[in-house]
Amino acid sequence: MIRKAHLTDAAQILHIYKEAIDEGNSFITRPEEFRETIVTIQQWLKKPQQIVFVAEDAQQIMGWLSFQTTSTVAGYITMVVCHASRGKGVGSQLLAHIIKWVEVHPTIDKIALNVFSTNLDAMALYTKFGFQQEGRKVRAFKIDDDYVDDILMYRML
């Protein structure tokens, strides 16, 4: 089930976020730099220009997606699925939900995101949902000893 996140979800959201940071291949934040807490996640959930949805099964959050408006016509998404739930359709459910949600908000015409060039599974999922590449920041980040491009993707509605 996909639903809007509640403040009481902060601990599970934090756990999934930290898990992704610890993997080291999806965010520029290194594990030793990660400073989020339950309180900062709760503050983040209260931001008026942002909405967060969670994928939940039996009261266990399997992933989350945030949508933050960046202008009057566009918004930016960040999505994280816990390791154990990857490849099981959770990301697809979250993306389908945000697309439907944005479609009923007629002022928003564009959904945008950034993804590492090495995250091929995520790029394939975004492409499946109609996202296209609009830019590439070459060697934008260095993960361990390897440079990674930052891929900018979008979907017009």
C-alpha atoms as a PDB file:
ATOM      1  CA  MET A   1       0.000   0.000   0.000  1.00  0.00           C
ATOM      2  CA  ILE A   2       1.214   3.505  -0.843  1.00  0.00           C
ATOM      3  CA  ARG A   3       0.260   6.288   1.545  1.00  0.00           C
ATOM      4  CA  LYS A   4       1.381   9.706   2.691  1.00  0.00           C
ATOM      5  CA  ALA A   5       4.122   9.512   5.300  1.00  0.00           C
ATOM      6  CA  HIS A   6       3.330  10.332   8.916  1.00  0.00           C
ATOM      7  CA  LEU A   7       5.671  11.748  11.553  1.00  0.00           C
ATOM      8  CA  THR A   8       5.557   8.352  13.255  1.00  0.00           C
ATOM      9  CA  ASP A   9       7.226   6.858  10.151  1.00  0.00           C
ATOM     10  CA  ALA A  10      10.422   8.842  10.731  1.00  0.00           C
ATOM     11  CA  ALA A  11      12.369   5.991  12.372  1.00  0.00           C
ATOM     12  CA  GLN A  12      11.668   3.553   9.522  1.00  0.00           C
ATOM     13  CA  ILE A  13      12.364   6.217   6.870  1.00  0.00           C
ATOM     14  CA  LEU A  14      15.659   7.005   8.615  1.00  0.00           C
ATOM     15  CA  HIS A  15      16.604   3.327   8.715  1.00  0.00           C
ATOM     16  CA  ILE A  16      16.002   2.877   4.959  1.00  0.00           C
ATOM     17  CA  TYR A  17      17.837   6.133   4.185  1.00  0.00           C
ATOM     18  CA  LYS A  18      20.846   5.103   6.290  1.00  0.00           C
ATOM     19  CA  GLU A  19      20.878   1.658   4.673  1.00  0.00           C
ATOM     20  CA  ALA A  20      21.140   3.295   1.231  1.00  0.00           C
ATOM     21  CA  ILE A  21      23.855   5.696   2.417  1.00  0.00           C
ATOM     22  CA  ASP A  22      25.836   2.799   3.905  1.00  0.00           C
ATOM     23  CA  GLU A  23      25.716   0.974   0.549  1.00  0.00           C
ATOM     24  CA  GLY A  24      27.617   3.941  -0.871  1.00  0.00           C
ATOM     25  CA  ASN A  25      26.416   3.807  -4.480  1.00  0.00           C
ATOM     26  CA  SER A  26      23.299   5.989  -4.650  1.00  0.00           C
ATOM     27  CA  PHE A  27      23.980   9.177  -2.691  1.00  0.00           C
ATOM     28  CA  ILE A  28      26.901  11.587  -2.546  1.00  0.00           C
ATOM     29  CA  THR A  29      26.721  11.578   1.255  1.00  0.00           C
ATOM     30  CA  ARG A  30      29.288   9.169   2.684  1.00  0.00           C
ATOM     31  CA  PRO A  31      28.304   7.045   5.710  1.00  0.00           C
ATOM     32  CA  GLU A  32      30.601   9.022   8.002  1.00  0.00           C
ATOM     33  CA  GLU A  33      28.938  12.272   6.841  1.00  0.00           C
ATOM     34  CA  PHE A  34      25.357  11.135   7.456  1.00  0.00           C
ATOM     35  CA  ARG A  35      23.845  13.281  10.222  1.00  0.00           C
ATOM     36  CA  GLU A  36      20.110  12.683   9.883  1.00  0.00           C
ATOM     37  CA  THR A  37      18.146  11.767  13.005  1.00  0.00           C
ATOM     38  CA  ILE A  38      14.527  10.947  13.723  1.00  0.00           C
ATOM     39  CA  VAL A  39      14.019  14.622  14.631  1.00  0.00           C
ATOM     40  CA  THR A  40      15.544  15.908  11.374  1.00  0.00           C
ATOM     41  CA  ILE A  41      13.462  13.430   9.368  1.00  0.00           C
ATOM     42  CA  GLN A  42      10.324  14.635  11.185  1.00  0.00           C
ATOM     43  CA  GLN A  43      11.252  18.246  10.375  1.00  0.00           C
ATOM     44  CA  TRP A  44      11.796  17.231   6.767  1.00  0.00           C
ATOM     45  CA  LEU A  45       8.343  15.584   6.671  1.00  0.00           C
ATOM     46  CA  LYS A  46       6.768  18.871   7.806  1.00  0.00           C
ATOM     47  CA  LYS A  47       8.172  20.994   4.969  1.00  0.00           C
ATOM     48  CA  PRO A  48       5.258  22.654   3.164  1.00  0.00           C
ATOM     49  CA  GLN A  49       6.850  22.439  -0.311  1.00  0.00           C
ATOM     50  CA  GLN A  50       7.376  18.680   0.009  1.00  0.00           C
ATOM     51  CA  ILE A  51       5.268  15.550   0.225  1.00  0.00           C
ATOM     52  CA  VAL A  52       6.568  12.096   1.114  1.00  0.00           C
ATOM     53  CA  PHE A  53       4.884   8.815   0.279  1.00  0.00           C
ATOM     54  CA  VAL A  54       5.782   5.432   1.732  1.00  0.00           C
ATOM     55  CA  ALA A  55       5.282   1.898   0.454  1.00  0.00           C
ATOM     56  CA  GLU A  56       4.077  -0.195   3.355  1.00  0.00           C
ATOM     57  CA  ASP A  57       3.251  -3.838   3.939  1.00  0.00           C
ATOM     58  CA  ALA A  58       2.091  -5.119   7.337  1.00  0.00           C
ATOM     59  CA  GLN A  59       3.147  -1.823   8.981  1.00  0.00           C
ATOM     60  CA  GLN A  60       6.669  -2.222   7.615  1.00  0.00           C
ATOM     61  CA  ILE A  61       7.893   0.554   5.333  1.00  0.00           C
ATOM     62  CA  MET A  62       9.673  -0.885   2.321  1.00  0.00           C
ATOM     63  CA  GLY A  63      10.520   2.370   0.558  1.00  0.00           C
ATOM     64  CA  TRP A  64       9.788   6.059   0.351  1.00  0.00           C
ATOM     65  CA  LEU A  65       9.575   8.766  -2.275  1.00  0.00           C
ATOM     66  CA  SER A  66       9.726  12.498  -1.675  1.00  0.00           C
ATOM     67  CA  PHE A  67       8.421  15.091  -4.101  1.00  0.00           C
ATOM     68  CA  GLN A  68       9.653  18.622  -3.568  1.00  0.00           C
ATOM     69  CA  THR A  69       8.366  21.471  -5.672  1.00  0.00           C
ATOM     70  CA  THR A  70      11.254  23.391  -7.175  1.00  0.00           C
ATOM     71  CA  SER A  71       9.175  25.954  -9.050  1.00  0.00           C
ATOM     72  CA  THR A  72       5.526  26.599  -9.802  1.00  0.00           C
ATOM     73  CA  VAL A  73       5.649  24.063 -12.661  1.00  0.00           C
ATOM     74  CA  ALA A  74       8.200  21.428 -11.620  1.00  0.00           C
ATOM     75  CA  GLY A  75       9.103  19.088  -8.805  1.00  0.00           C
ATOM     76  CA  TYR A  76      12.055  16.944  -7.900  1.00  0.00           C
ATOM     77  CA  ILE A  77      11.855  13.366  -6.602  1.00  0.00           C
ATOM     78  CA  THR A  78      14.094  11.279  -4.405  1.00  0.00           C
ATOM     79  CA  MET A  79      13.258   7.609  -3.958  1.00  0.00           C
ATOM     80  CA  VAL A  80      14.786   4.953  -1.722  1.00  0.00           C
ATOM     81  CA  VAL A  81      13.731   1.304  -1.475  1.00  0.00           C
ATOM     82  CA  CYS A  82      15.133  -0.895   1.285  1.00  0.00           C
ATOM     83  CA  HIS A  83      17.588  -3.502   0.098  1.00  0.00           C
ATOM     84  CA  ALA A  84      15.322  -6.477   0.927  1.00  0.00           C
ATOM     85  CA  SER A  85      12.442  -5.029  -1.136  1.00  0.00           C
ATOM     86  CA  ARG A  86      14.344  -4.182  -4.315  1.00  0.00           C
ATOM     87  CA  GLY A  87      13.247  -5.955  -7.468  1.00  0.00           C
ATOM     88  CA  LYS A  88       9.786  -6.609  -6.015  1.00  0.00           C
ATOM     89  CA  GLY A  89       7.887  -3.720  -7.610  1.00  0.00           C
ATOM     90  CA  VAL A  90       8.101  -1.264  -4.702  1.00  0.00           C
ATOM     91  CA  GLY A  91       9.855   1.395  -6.779  1.00  0.00           C
ATOM     92  CA  SER A  92       7.307   0.937  -9.566  1.00  0.00           C
ATOM     93  CA  GLN A  93       4.435   1.372  -7.124  1.00  0.00           C
ATOM     94  CA  LEU A  94       5.951   4.557  -5.695  1.00  0.00           C
ATOM     95  CA  LEU A  95       6.631   6.030  -9.147  1.00  0.00           C
ATOM     96  CA  ALA A  96       3.146   5.177 -10.415  1.00  0.00           C
ATOM     97  CA  HIS A  97       1.667   6.808  -7.326  1.00  0.00           C
ATOM     98  CA  ILE A  98       3.609  10.061  -7.626  1.00  0.00           C
ATOM     99  CA  ILE A  99       2.798  10.327 -11.334  1.00  0.00           C
ATOM    100  CA  LYS A 100      -0.931   9.967 -10.559  1.00  0.00           C
ATOM    101  CA  TRP A 101      -0.617  12.435  -7.678  1.00  0.00           C
ATOM    102  CA  VAL A 102       1.119  15.022  -9.877  1.00  0.00           C
ATOM    103  CA  GLU A 103      -1.452  14.563 -12.655  1.00  0.00           C
ATOM    104  CA  VAL A 104      -4.185  15.899 -10.353  1.00  0.00           C
ATOM    105  CA  HIS A 105      -2.086  18.966  -9.536  1.00  0.00           C
ATOM    106  CA  PRO A 106      -2.450  20.834 -12.831  1.00  0.00           C
ATOM    107  CA  THR A 107       0.190  23.478 -12.143  1.00  0.00           C
ATOM    108  CA  ILE A 108       2.986  20.881 -12.133  1.00  0.00           C
ATOM    109  CA  ASP A 109       4.155  19.926 -15.619  1.00  0.00           C
ATOM    110  CA  LYS A 110       7.488  18.258 -14.938  1.00  0.00           C
ATOM    111  CA  ILE A 111       8.981  15.675 -12.595  1.00  0.00           C
ATOM    112  CA  ALA A 112      12.776  15.703 -12.381  1.00  0.00           C
ATOM    113  CA  LEU A 113      15.428  13.587 -10.658  1.00  0.00           C
ATOM    114  CA  ASN A 114      19.134  12.874 -10.553  1.00  0.00           C
ATOM    115  CA  VAL A 115      20.653   9.392 -10.624  1.00  0.00           C
ATOM    116  CA  PHE A 116      24.230   8.079 -10.651  1.00  0.00           C
ATOM    117  CA  SER A 117      25.314   6.723 -14.036  1.00  0.00           C
ATOM    118  CA  THR A 118      26.312   3.498 -12.276  1.00  0.00           C
ATOM    119  CA  ASN A 119      22.786   2.906 -10.943  1.00  0.00           C
ATOM    120  CA  LEU A 120      21.594   1.056 -14.036  1.00  0.00           C
ATOM    121  CA  ASP A 121      18.595  -0.596 -12.362  1.00  0.00           C
ATOM    122  CA  ALA A 122      17.204   2.765 -11.252  1.00  0.00           C
ATOM    123  CA  MET A 123      17.816   4.309 -14.675  1.00  0.00           C
ATOM    124  CA  ALA A 124      15.970   1.413 -16.335  1.00  0.00           C
ATOM    125  CA  LEU A 125      13.037   1.833 -13.943  1.00  0.00           C
ATOM    126  CA  TYR A 126      12.808   5.575 -14.577  1.00  0.00           C
ATOM    127  CA  THR A 127      12.978   5.016 -18.334  1.00  0.00           C
ATOM    128  CA  LYS A 128      10.190   2.422 -18.075  1.00  0.00           C
ATOM    129  CA  PHE A 129       8.039   5.150 -16.509  1.00  0.00           C
ATOM    130  CA  GLY A 130       8.688   7.617 -19.309  1.00  0.00           C
ATOM    131  CA  PHE A 131      11.602   9.571 -17.873  1.00  0.00           C
ATOM    132  CA  GLN A 132      14.191  10.840 -20.326  1.00  0.00           C
ATOM    133  CA  GLN A 133      17.739  12.029 -19.902  1.00  0.00           C
ATOM    134  CA  GLU A 134      18.041  15.799 -20.118  1.00  0.00           C
ATOM    135  CA  GLY A 135      21.611  16.207 -19.036  1.00  0.00           C
ATOM    136  CA  ARG A 136      24.757  14.587 -17.782  1.00  0.00           C
ATOM    137  CA  LYS A 137      27.289  16.039 -15.387  1.00  0.00           C
ATOM    138  CA  VAL A 138      30.428  14.155 -16.337  1.00  0.00           C
ATOM    139  CA  ARG A 139      32.619  12.963 -13.454  1.00  0.00           C
ATOM    140  CA  ALA A 140      30.405  14.847 -11.009  1.00  0.00           C
ATOM    141  CA  PHE A 141      31.271  12.637  -8.035  1.00  0.00           C
ATOM    142  CA  LYS A 142      34.044  10.359  -6.887  1.00  0.00           C
ATOM    143  CA  ILE A 143      32.910   7.196  -5.148  1.00  0.00           C
ATOM    144  CA  ASP A 144      35.900   5.466  -3.599  1.00  0.00           C
ATOM    145  CA  ASP A 145      38.403   5.723  -6.479  1.00  0.00           C
ATOM    146  CA  ASP A 146      35.923   5.851  -9.348  1.00  0.00           C
ATOM    147  CA  TYR A 147      34.304   8.877 -10.953  1.00  0.00           C
ATOM    148  CA  VAL A 148      30.552   8.779 -11.473  1.00  0.00           C
ATOM    149  CA  ASP A 149      28.431  10.885 -13.802  1.00  0.00           C
ATOM    150  CA  ASP A 150      25.284  12.553 -12.487  1.00  0.00           C
ATOM    151  CA  ILE A 151      22.385  11.854 -14.862  1.00  0.00           C
ATOM    152  CA  LEU A 152      19.553  14.398 -14.901  1.00  0.00           C
ATOM    153  CA  MET A 153      16.227  12.875 -15.927  1.00  0.00           C
ATOM    154  CA  TYR A 154      12.716  14.259 -16.349  1.00  0.00           C
ATOM    155  CA  ARG A 155       9.184  13.364 -17.312  1.00  0.00           C
ATOM    156  CA  MET A 156       6.722  15.891 -18.693  1.00  0.00           C
ATOM    157  CA  LEU A 157       3.070  15.446 -17.789  1.00  0.00           C
END
